[in-house]
C-alpha cells in the first residue's frame, strides 16, 4: 500500500478530518487502559496551532483520502530541554536551530489500521527531517502505550529514558513519558 501514499502538509480546510483521525487515535490508545490522550488533548487548538506553523502533515492515498496525520516540528521542544534528559544528539544553545525534528500527535484513521500508514509517515518524516538538515527525530510516548513503543523500536528508534512532561497542564493527567530518538 505504501507506494500509493503521499505525505504532504495539511491544508487549513482539512482540520476536521485531522481531528477525526486523532479521535480514532484516542480510541486506539484507550484500549490500553492508560490516560494518554483521554482528557481533551490533542484538541482543535493543537491542530490549528500545527496548521499555523505548517507542522501538520497528512498521509494521503491515491483517491485523496486522508489516512494518517502527524505533527513534525522543527522548532525546539521545551519538553526535550530538561537537564535530566540525555539524547543521542547534543542539545543546542537556546534560541539556536535544534539538530532534531520532533514528531507529535501521530495517528492513523481507524479504517486504515494495519496498512502501513504510520510506518510510511515516519519514513517520510525521516526524509523531510534530513532534507531540512536535522540529524535525528525525537518522540515521546506513555509507558503504557505498548503499540507505539513496539512500533518505535521496530522502526529503529532508541528508547532513552523516562521523564515527566511539564507543560501539558490539565490536558493530561499522567505526565510520565518515555523519550525516543532515531538518527537520520
N, C-alpha and C. Protein backbone atom coordinates (compact mmCIF):
# COMPACT_ATOMS: atom_id res chain seq x y z
N UNK A 1 0.82 -1.20 0.00
CA UNK A 1 0.00 0.00 0.00
C UNK A 1 0.86 1.26 0.00
N UNK A 2 2.05 1.21 0.56
CA UNK A 2 2.86 2.42 0.73
C UNK A 2 3.16 3.13 -0.58
N UNK A 3 3.22 2.40 -1.70
CA UNK A 3 3.54 3.06 -2.95
C UNK A 3 2.38 3.92 -3.46
N UNK A 4 1.22 3.80 -2.86
CA UNK A 4 0.08 4.63 -3.27
C UNK A 4 -0.14 5.81 -2.33
N UNK A 5 0.69 5.94 -1.31
CA UNK A 5 0.54 7.04 -0.35
C UNK A 5 1.49 8.17 -0.68
N UNK A 6 1.05 9.38 -0.35
CA UNK A 6 1.93 10.54 -0.38
C UNK A 6 1.81 11.23 0.97
N UNK A 7 2.82 12.01 1.29
CA UNK A 7 2.82 12.77 2.54
C UNK A 7 2.93 14.24 2.15
N UNK A 8 2.07 15.05 2.72
CA UNK A 8 2.11 16.49 2.45
C UNK A 8 1.61 17.24 3.67
N UNK A 9 1.85 18.55 3.65
CA UNK A 9 1.32 19.39 4.71
C UNK A 9 -0.20 19.44 4.59
N UNK A 10 -0.86 19.40 5.74
CA UNK A 10 -2.32 19.50 5.75
C UNK A 10 -2.74 20.92 5.38
N UNK A 11 -3.89 21.03 4.79
CA UNK A 11 -4.47 22.32 4.44
C UNK A 11 -5.41 22.77 5.55
N UNK A 12 -5.58 24.09 5.74
CA UNK A 12 -6.47 24.56 6.81
C UNK A 12 -7.86 23.96 6.76
N UNK A 13 -8.40 23.73 5.58
CA UNK A 13 -9.73 23.16 5.44
C UNK A 13 -9.82 21.69 5.82
N UNK A 14 -8.68 21.07 6.12
CA UNK A 14 -8.65 19.65 6.48
C UNK A 14 -8.59 19.44 7.99
N UNK A 15 -8.71 20.51 8.76
CA UNK A 15 -8.61 20.39 10.23
C UNK A 15 -9.64 19.42 10.79
N UNK A 16 -10.86 19.42 10.26
CA UNK A 16 -11.88 18.49 10.77
C UNK A 16 -11.46 17.04 10.56
N UNK A 17 -10.94 16.73 9.38
CA UNK A 17 -10.51 15.35 9.11
C UNK A 17 -9.31 14.98 9.98
N UNK A 18 -8.39 15.90 10.16
CA UNK A 18 -7.25 15.64 11.05
C UNK A 18 -7.77 15.33 12.46
N UNK A 19 -8.74 16.11 12.93
CA UNK A 19 -9.32 15.84 14.26
C UNK A 19 -9.99 14.47 14.31
N UNK A 20 -10.68 14.09 13.25
CA UNK A 20 -11.31 12.75 13.21
C UNK A 20 -10.25 11.66 13.36
N UNK A 21 -9.14 11.81 12.66
CA UNK A 21 -8.06 10.82 12.74
C UNK A 21 -7.47 10.79 14.14
N UNK A 22 -7.27 11.96 14.74
CA UNK A 22 -6.75 12.00 16.11
C UNK A 22 -7.75 11.37 17.09
N UNK A 23 -9.04 11.57 16.86
CA UNK A 23 -10.05 10.91 17.71
C UNK A 23 -9.97 9.40 17.56
N UNK A 24 -9.73 8.91 16.34
CA UNK A 24 -9.51 7.47 16.15
C UNK A 24 -8.30 7.01 16.97
N UNK A 25 -7.25 7.83 16.95
CA UNK A 25 -6.06 7.51 17.74
C UNK A 25 -6.35 7.46 19.23
N UNK A 26 -7.17 8.39 19.70
CA UNK A 26 -7.54 8.39 21.12
C UNK A 26 -8.26 7.10 21.50
N UNK A 27 -9.17 6.66 20.61
CA UNK A 27 -9.89 5.41 20.89
C UNK A 27 -8.94 4.22 20.89
N UNK A 28 -7.97 4.21 19.99
CA UNK A 28 -6.99 3.12 19.97
C UNK A 28 -6.18 3.07 21.25
N UNK A 29 -5.74 4.23 21.72
CA UNK A 29 -4.94 4.30 22.94
C UNK A 29 -5.77 3.89 24.15
N UNK A 30 -7.04 4.23 24.16
CA UNK A 30 -7.91 3.93 25.30
C UNK A 30 -7.96 2.44 25.60
N UNK A 31 -7.79 1.63 24.58
CA UNK A 31 -7.88 0.18 24.81
C UNK A 31 -6.76 -0.35 25.70
N UNK A 32 -5.69 0.44 25.88
CA UNK A 32 -4.61 0.03 26.78
C UNK A 32 -4.90 0.39 28.23
N UNK A 33 -5.99 1.12 28.46
CA UNK A 33 -6.35 1.49 29.82
C UNK A 33 -5.43 2.53 30.43
N UNK A 34 -4.82 3.36 29.59
CA UNK A 34 -3.93 4.42 30.09
C UNK A 34 -4.59 5.78 29.87
N UNK A 35 -4.04 6.78 30.52
CA UNK A 35 -4.63 8.12 30.49
C UNK A 35 -4.17 8.97 29.30
N UNK A 36 -3.14 8.55 28.58
CA UNK A 36 -2.64 9.35 27.47
C UNK A 36 -3.76 9.66 26.48
N UNK A 37 -3.91 10.94 26.16
CA UNK A 37 -4.86 11.44 25.17
C UNK A 37 -6.32 11.23 25.58
N UNK A 38 -6.64 11.00 26.82
CA UNK A 38 -8.01 10.70 27.22
C UNK A 38 -8.73 11.87 27.88
N UNK A 39 -8.10 13.04 27.96
CA UNK A 39 -8.71 14.16 28.68
C UNK A 39 -8.68 15.45 27.86
N UNK A 40 -9.00 15.35 26.58
CA UNK A 40 -9.14 16.55 25.77
C UNK A 40 -7.95 16.94 24.93
N UNK A 41 -6.86 16.24 25.05
CA UNK A 41 -5.68 16.51 24.23
C UNK A 41 -5.39 15.27 23.40
N UNK A 42 -5.00 15.43 22.15
CA UNK A 42 -4.93 16.67 21.39
C UNK A 42 -6.32 17.19 21.04
N UNK A 43 -6.38 18.49 20.82
CA UNK A 43 -7.66 19.13 20.57
C UNK A 43 -7.57 20.03 19.34
N UNK A 44 -8.66 20.71 19.07
CA UNK A 44 -8.72 21.58 17.89
C UNK A 44 -7.64 22.66 17.95
N UNK A 45 -7.39 23.19 19.14
CA UNK A 45 -6.35 24.21 19.30
C UNK A 45 -4.98 23.66 18.92
N UNK A 46 -4.69 22.42 19.30
CA UNK A 46 -3.43 21.78 18.93
C UNK A 46 -3.29 21.70 17.41
N UNK A 47 -4.36 21.24 16.77
CA UNK A 47 -4.33 21.07 15.32
C UNK A 47 -4.19 22.42 14.62
N UNK A 48 -4.96 23.41 15.07
CA UNK A 48 -4.87 24.73 14.45
C UNK A 48 -3.49 25.34 14.65
N UNK A 49 -2.88 25.11 15.81
CA UNK A 49 -1.52 25.58 16.04
C UNK A 49 -0.53 24.92 15.10
N UNK A 50 -0.67 23.60 14.92
CA UNK A 50 0.20 22.89 13.98
C UNK A 50 0.00 23.39 12.55
N UNK A 51 -1.25 23.61 12.16
CA UNK A 51 -1.52 24.13 10.83
C UNK A 51 -0.89 25.51 10.63
N UNK A 52 -1.01 26.37 11.63
CA UNK A 52 -0.45 27.72 11.54
C UNK A 52 1.07 27.70 11.38
N UNK A 53 1.70 26.68 11.95
CA UNK A 53 3.16 26.55 11.87
C UNK A 53 3.62 25.69 10.70
N UNK A 54 2.69 25.27 9.83
CA UNK A 54 3.00 24.33 8.74
C UNK A 54 3.61 23.04 9.27
N UNK A 55 3.19 22.63 10.46
CA UNK A 55 3.75 21.43 11.09
C UNK A 55 2.80 20.24 11.03
N UNK A 56 1.59 20.42 10.54
CA UNK A 56 0.62 19.33 10.46
C UNK A 56 0.76 18.65 9.10
N UNK A 57 1.11 17.37 9.13
CA UNK A 57 1.31 16.59 7.91
C UNK A 57 0.27 15.49 7.84
N UNK A 58 -0.08 15.09 6.61
CA UNK A 58 -1.06 14.03 6.41
C UNK A 58 -0.56 13.03 5.38
N UNK A 59 -0.96 11.77 5.58
CA UNK A 59 -0.74 10.72 4.59
C UNK A 59 -2.02 10.63 3.78
N UNK A 60 -1.86 10.68 2.46
CA UNK A 60 -2.99 10.73 1.55
C UNK A 60 -2.88 9.56 0.57
N UNK A 61 -3.99 8.85 0.34
CA UNK A 61 -3.94 7.75 -0.62
C UNK A 61 -4.23 8.28 -2.03
N UNK A 62 -4.19 7.38 -3.01
CA UNK A 62 -4.34 7.77 -4.42
C UNK A 62 -5.69 8.42 -4.71
N UNK A 63 -6.70 8.11 -3.90
CA UNK A 63 -8.02 8.71 -4.13
C UNK A 63 -8.19 10.06 -3.42
N UNK A 64 -7.15 10.48 -2.68
CA UNK A 64 -7.21 11.76 -1.97
C UNK A 64 -7.70 11.66 -0.54
N UNK A 65 -7.95 10.45 -0.06
CA UNK A 65 -8.40 10.28 1.33
C UNK A 65 -7.25 10.45 2.30
N UNK A 66 -7.50 11.19 3.37
CA UNK A 66 -6.50 11.36 4.43
C UNK A 66 -6.58 10.16 5.36
N UNK A 67 -5.45 9.44 5.50
CA UNK A 67 -5.42 8.20 6.27
C UNK A 67 -4.62 8.30 7.56
N UNK A 68 -3.80 9.33 7.68
CA UNK A 68 -2.99 9.48 8.88
C UNK A 68 -2.51 10.90 9.02
N UNK A 69 -2.06 11.23 10.22
CA UNK A 69 -1.55 12.57 10.48
C UNK A 69 -0.45 12.53 11.52
N UNK A 70 0.42 13.49 11.44
CA UNK A 70 1.41 13.72 12.50
C UNK A 70 1.85 15.16 12.46
N UNK A 71 2.30 15.64 13.61
CA UNK A 71 2.91 16.97 13.68
C UNK A 71 4.42 16.75 13.60
N UNK A 72 5.06 17.44 12.68
CA UNK A 72 6.51 17.38 12.53
C UNK A 72 7.04 18.78 12.78
N UNK A 73 7.68 18.94 13.93
CA UNK A 73 8.12 20.26 14.39
C UNK A 73 9.63 20.40 14.23
N UNK A 74 10.04 21.56 13.73
CA UNK A 74 11.46 21.86 13.55
C UNK A 74 11.97 22.87 14.56
N UNK A 75 11.07 23.41 15.39
CA UNK A 75 11.50 24.33 16.43
C UNK A 75 11.89 23.52 17.67
N UNK A 76 12.54 24.17 18.60
CA UNK A 76 12.97 23.47 19.80
C UNK A 76 11.77 23.11 20.67
N UNK A 77 11.75 21.89 21.14
CA UNK A 77 10.68 21.44 22.04
C UNK A 77 11.14 21.66 23.47
N UNK A 78 10.46 22.53 24.23
CA UNK A 78 10.90 22.81 25.60
C UNK A 78 10.86 21.57 26.50
N UNK A 79 9.98 20.63 26.20
CA UNK A 79 9.92 19.39 26.99
C UNK A 79 11.22 18.60 26.85
N UNK A 80 11.91 18.76 25.74
CA UNK A 80 13.12 17.98 25.47
C UNK A 80 14.39 18.69 25.92
N UNK A 81 14.25 19.83 26.58
CA UNK A 81 15.41 20.59 27.04
C UNK A 81 15.73 20.33 28.51
N UNK A 82 15.01 19.49 29.17
CA UNK A 82 15.23 19.25 30.60
C UNK A 82 16.63 18.66 30.83
N UNK A 83 17.31 19.13 31.87
CA UNK A 83 18.70 18.69 32.09
C UNK A 83 18.83 17.20 32.35
N UNK A 84 17.78 16.57 32.86
CA UNK A 84 17.88 15.13 33.15
C UNK A 84 17.78 14.26 31.90
N UNK A 85 17.41 14.84 30.76
CA UNK A 85 17.29 14.08 29.52
C UNK A 85 18.63 14.03 28.79
N UNK A 86 19.05 12.84 28.45
CA UNK A 86 20.27 12.64 27.67
C UNK A 86 19.86 12.06 26.32
N UNK A 87 20.22 12.76 25.26
CA UNK A 87 19.81 12.39 23.91
C UNK A 87 20.99 11.83 23.12
N UNK A 88 20.71 11.24 21.97
CA UNK A 88 21.76 10.76 21.08
C UNK A 88 22.45 11.92 20.38
N UNK A 89 21.71 12.99 20.13
CA UNK A 89 22.29 14.19 19.54
C UNK A 89 22.40 15.25 20.62
N UNK A 90 23.40 16.12 20.52
CA UNK A 90 23.59 17.12 21.57
C UNK A 90 22.48 18.16 21.60
N UNK A 91 22.24 18.68 22.80
CA UNK A 91 21.30 19.79 22.94
C UNK A 91 21.91 21.03 22.29
N UNK A 92 21.06 21.88 21.78
CA UNK A 92 21.52 23.12 21.17
C UNK A 92 21.40 24.25 22.17
N UNK A 93 22.11 25.31 21.90
CA UNK A 93 22.01 26.51 22.71
C UNK A 93 20.61 27.09 22.53
N UNK A 94 19.95 27.51 23.61
CA UNK A 94 18.61 28.10 23.47
C UNK A 94 18.60 29.20 22.42
N UNK A 95 17.59 29.17 21.57
CA UNK A 95 17.46 30.16 20.52
C UNK A 95 18.11 29.75 19.21
N UNK A 96 18.91 28.69 19.23
CA UNK A 96 19.55 28.20 18.01
C UNK A 96 18.69 27.11 17.38
N UNK A 97 18.95 26.82 16.12
CA UNK A 97 18.22 25.77 15.43
C UNK A 97 18.57 24.42 16.03
N UNK A 98 17.57 23.65 16.44
CA UNK A 98 17.88 22.33 17.02
C UNK A 98 18.40 21.37 15.95
N UNK A 99 19.12 20.35 16.40
CA UNK A 99 19.67 19.35 15.49
C UNK A 99 18.65 18.26 15.17
N UNK A 100 17.46 18.36 15.73
CA UNK A 100 16.44 17.32 15.58
C UNK A 100 15.13 17.92 15.08
N UNK A 101 14.28 17.04 14.60
CA UNK A 101 12.87 17.35 14.38
C UNK A 101 12.09 16.48 15.36
N UNK A 102 10.97 16.98 15.83
CA UNK A 102 10.16 16.23 16.80
C UNK A 102 8.83 15.84 16.18
N UNK A 103 8.45 14.59 16.41
CA UNK A 103 7.15 14.09 15.98
C UNK A 103 6.21 14.11 17.18
N UNK A 104 5.04 14.67 16.97
CA UNK A 104 3.99 14.70 17.98
C UNK A 104 2.65 14.39 17.31
N UNK A 105 1.66 14.08 18.11
CA UNK A 105 0.27 13.94 17.66
C UNK A 105 0.14 13.10 16.38
N UNK A 106 0.64 11.87 16.43
CA UNK A 106 0.56 10.99 15.27
C UNK A 106 -0.56 9.97 15.46
N UNK A 107 -1.32 9.75 14.40
CA UNK A 107 -2.43 8.79 14.47
C UNK A 107 -2.78 8.32 13.06
N UNK A 108 -3.37 7.15 13.01
CA UNK A 108 -3.86 6.56 11.76
C UNK A 108 -5.37 6.45 11.85
N UNK A 109 -6.05 6.72 10.75
CA UNK A 109 -7.50 6.57 10.70
C UNK A 109 -7.87 5.12 11.01
N UNK A 110 -8.97 4.94 11.72
CA UNK A 110 -9.39 3.59 12.13
C UNK A 110 -9.51 2.65 10.93
N UNK A 111 -10.02 3.13 9.82
CA UNK A 111 -10.19 2.29 8.64
C UNK A 111 -8.91 1.96 7.91
N UNK A 112 -7.81 2.57 8.33
CA UNK A 112 -6.52 2.34 7.66
C UNK A 112 -5.51 1.63 8.55
N UNK A 113 -5.95 1.17 9.72
CA UNK A 113 -5.02 0.47 10.62
C UNK A 113 -4.49 -0.80 9.96
N UNK A 114 -3.26 -1.15 10.30
CA UNK A 114 -2.60 -2.37 9.81
C UNK A 114 -2.34 -2.32 8.31
N UNK A 115 -2.25 -1.12 7.75
CA UNK A 115 -1.98 -0.98 6.31
C UNK A 115 -0.68 -0.25 6.05
N UNK A 116 0.14 -0.06 7.08
CA UNK A 116 1.45 0.54 6.88
C UNK A 116 1.48 2.05 6.84
N UNK A 117 0.38 2.69 7.20
CA UNK A 117 0.30 4.15 7.11
C UNK A 117 1.28 4.81 8.07
N UNK A 118 1.31 4.37 9.32
CA UNK A 118 2.21 5.00 10.30
C UNK A 118 3.67 4.80 9.90
N UNK A 119 4.02 3.61 9.46
CA UNK A 119 5.40 3.36 9.01
C UNK A 119 5.76 4.26 7.84
N UNK A 120 4.83 4.43 6.90
CA UNK A 120 5.06 5.32 5.77
C UNK A 120 5.29 6.75 6.25
N UNK A 121 4.45 7.22 7.18
CA UNK A 121 4.58 8.60 7.66
C UNK A 121 5.92 8.81 8.37
N UNK A 122 6.35 7.85 9.17
CA UNK A 122 7.62 8.00 9.87
C UNK A 122 8.79 7.98 8.90
N UNK A 123 8.74 7.13 7.87
CA UNK A 123 9.80 7.12 6.86
C UNK A 123 9.84 8.46 6.12
N UNK A 124 8.67 8.99 5.79
CA UNK A 124 8.61 10.30 5.13
C UNK A 124 9.13 11.39 6.06
N UNK A 125 8.79 11.32 7.34
CA UNK A 125 9.28 12.31 8.31
C UNK A 125 10.80 12.27 8.40
N UNK A 126 11.39 11.07 8.34
CA UNK A 126 12.85 10.96 8.33
C UNK A 126 13.43 11.71 7.14
N UNK A 127 12.86 11.47 5.95
CA UNK A 127 13.34 12.13 4.74
C UNK A 127 13.21 13.65 4.86
N UNK A 128 12.08 14.11 5.35
CA UNK A 128 11.83 15.54 5.49
C UNK A 128 12.81 16.15 6.49
N UNK A 129 13.03 15.46 7.60
CA UNK A 129 13.98 15.96 8.60
C UNK A 129 15.38 16.06 8.00
N UNK A 130 15.80 15.03 7.30
CA UNK A 130 17.13 15.01 6.68
C UNK A 130 17.25 16.15 5.66
N UNK A 131 16.22 16.33 4.83
CA UNK A 131 16.23 17.40 3.83
C UNK A 131 16.32 18.78 4.47
N UNK A 132 15.88 18.89 5.72
CA UNK A 132 15.92 20.16 6.44
C UNK A 132 17.12 20.25 7.37
N UNK A 133 18.11 19.40 7.15
CA UNK A 133 19.37 19.49 7.88
C UNK A 133 19.34 18.95 9.30
N UNK A 134 18.32 18.18 9.65
CA UNK A 134 18.26 17.64 11.00
C UNK A 134 19.01 16.31 11.07
N UNK A 135 19.56 16.03 12.25
CA UNK A 135 20.35 14.81 12.45
C UNK A 135 19.54 13.68 13.07
N UNK A 136 18.37 14.01 13.62
CA UNK A 136 17.58 12.97 14.28
C UNK A 136 16.11 13.34 14.33
N UNK A 137 15.32 12.33 14.69
CA UNK A 137 13.92 12.50 15.03
C UNK A 137 13.76 12.16 16.50
N UNK A 138 13.00 12.97 17.21
CA UNK A 138 12.69 12.70 18.61
C UNK A 138 11.18 12.56 18.75
N UNK A 139 10.80 11.73 19.72
CA UNK A 139 9.38 11.50 20.01
C UNK A 139 9.30 10.99 21.43
N UNK A 140 8.13 11.12 22.04
CA UNK A 140 7.91 10.51 23.35
C UNK A 140 6.54 9.86 23.36
N UNK A 141 6.37 8.90 24.24
CA UNK A 141 5.07 8.24 24.40
C UNK A 141 4.91 7.77 25.84
N UNK A 142 3.69 7.46 26.18
CA UNK A 142 3.37 6.96 27.52
C UNK A 142 3.94 5.55 27.70
N UNK A 143 4.45 5.21 28.88
CA UNK A 143 4.99 3.85 29.10
C UNK A 143 3.98 2.74 28.82
N UNK A 144 2.70 3.03 29.00
CA UNK A 144 1.67 2.02 28.77
C UNK A 144 1.22 1.89 27.33
N UNK A 145 1.70 2.75 26.45
CA UNK A 145 1.33 2.69 25.04
C UNK A 145 2.22 1.66 24.35
N UNK A 146 1.92 0.40 24.62
CA UNK A 146 2.78 -0.68 24.16
C UNK A 146 2.84 -0.78 22.64
N UNK A 147 1.76 -0.44 21.96
CA UNK A 147 1.77 -0.49 20.50
C UNK A 147 2.76 0.52 19.93
N UNK A 148 2.74 1.75 20.43
CA UNK A 148 3.66 2.77 19.93
C UNK A 148 5.10 2.43 20.32
N UNK A 149 5.31 1.97 21.52
CA UNK A 149 6.66 1.61 21.95
C UNK A 149 7.24 0.52 21.06
N UNK A 150 6.45 -0.48 20.75
CA UNK A 150 6.89 -1.56 19.87
C UNK A 150 7.15 -1.03 18.46
N UNK A 151 6.26 -0.19 17.97
CA UNK A 151 6.43 0.42 16.65
C UNK A 151 7.74 1.19 16.58
N UNK A 152 8.00 2.02 17.58
CA UNK A 152 9.22 2.84 17.57
C UNK A 152 10.47 1.97 17.57
N UNK A 153 10.48 0.93 18.37
CA UNK A 153 11.64 0.03 18.41
C UNK A 153 11.83 -0.66 17.06
N UNK A 154 10.75 -1.16 16.48
CA UNK A 154 10.83 -1.82 15.17
C UNK A 154 11.32 -0.88 14.08
N UNK A 155 11.08 0.42 14.25
CA UNK A 155 11.47 1.39 13.22
C UNK A 155 12.77 2.11 13.56
N UNK A 156 13.58 1.51 14.42
CA UNK A 156 14.94 2.00 14.63
C UNK A 156 15.12 3.09 15.65
N UNK A 157 14.09 3.40 16.43
CA UNK A 157 14.23 4.40 17.47
C UNK A 157 14.87 3.76 18.70
N UNK A 158 15.69 4.53 19.38
CA UNK A 158 16.33 4.08 20.62
C UNK A 158 15.53 4.60 21.80
N UNK A 159 15.14 3.68 22.69
CA UNK A 159 14.46 4.08 23.92
C UNK A 159 15.52 4.65 24.86
N UNK A 160 15.30 5.88 25.33
CA UNK A 160 16.33 6.57 26.11
C UNK A 160 16.04 6.62 27.59
N UNK A 161 14.96 7.23 28.00
CA UNK A 161 14.70 7.39 29.43
C UNK A 161 13.26 7.81 29.67
N UNK A 162 12.84 7.65 30.91
CA UNK A 162 11.52 8.10 31.35
C UNK A 162 11.66 9.50 31.91
N UNK A 163 10.66 10.34 31.64
CA UNK A 163 10.66 11.71 32.17
C UNK A 163 9.22 12.15 32.39
N UNK A 164 9.06 13.27 33.04
CA UNK A 164 7.74 13.84 33.31
C UNK A 164 7.53 15.09 32.46
N UNK A 165 6.43 15.13 31.72
CA UNK A 165 6.08 16.33 30.96
C UNK A 165 5.84 17.49 31.93
N UNK A 166 6.14 18.69 31.48
CA UNK A 166 5.97 19.87 32.33
C UNK A 166 4.85 20.79 31.87
N UNK A 167 4.50 20.77 30.58
CA UNK A 167 3.64 21.83 30.05
C UNK A 167 2.25 21.40 29.60
N UNK A 168 1.84 20.18 29.81
CA UNK A 168 0.53 19.74 29.33
C UNK A 168 -0.61 20.23 30.21
N UNK A 169 -0.33 20.65 31.43
CA UNK A 169 -1.38 21.18 32.30
C UNK A 169 -2.47 20.17 32.57
N UNK A 170 -3.73 20.61 32.48
CA UNK A 170 -4.86 19.73 32.76
C UNK A 170 -5.21 18.82 31.59
N UNK A 171 -4.56 19.01 30.45
CA UNK A 171 -4.89 18.21 29.27
C UNK A 171 -4.48 16.75 29.42
N UNK A 172 -3.54 16.46 30.28
CA UNK A 172 -3.10 15.09 30.53
C UNK A 172 -2.96 14.92 32.03
N UNK A 173 -3.46 13.81 32.54
CA UNK A 173 -3.37 13.59 33.99
C UNK A 173 -2.17 12.75 34.37
N UNK A 174 -1.68 11.92 33.45
CA UNK A 174 -0.48 11.11 33.70
C UNK A 174 0.61 11.65 32.78
N UNK A 175 1.57 12.34 33.35
CA UNK A 175 2.58 13.05 32.57
C UNK A 175 3.86 12.25 32.34
N UNK A 176 3.89 11.00 32.74
CA UNK A 176 5.09 10.17 32.54
C UNK A 176 5.20 9.78 31.07
N UNK A 177 6.38 9.97 30.51
CA UNK A 177 6.64 9.63 29.12
C UNK A 177 8.01 8.95 29.01
N UNK A 178 8.20 8.24 27.90
CA UNK A 178 9.49 7.67 27.56
C UNK A 178 9.98 8.40 26.32
N UNK A 179 11.22 8.87 26.37
CA UNK A 179 11.83 9.58 25.25
C UNK A 179 12.50 8.58 24.31
N UNK A 180 12.36 8.84 23.01
CA UNK A 180 12.97 8.03 21.96
C UNK A 180 13.66 8.97 20.98
N UNK A 181 14.70 8.45 20.34
CA UNK A 181 15.37 9.23 19.30
C UNK A 181 15.91 8.28 18.25
N UNK A 182 15.92 8.75 17.01
CA UNK A 182 16.49 7.99 15.90
C UNK A 182 17.38 8.91 15.09
N UNK A 183 18.60 8.48 14.85
CA UNK A 183 19.49 9.24 13.99
C UNK A 183 19.05 9.06 12.55
N UNK A 184 19.04 10.16 11.80
CA UNK A 184 18.60 10.09 10.40
C UNK A 184 19.72 10.52 9.47
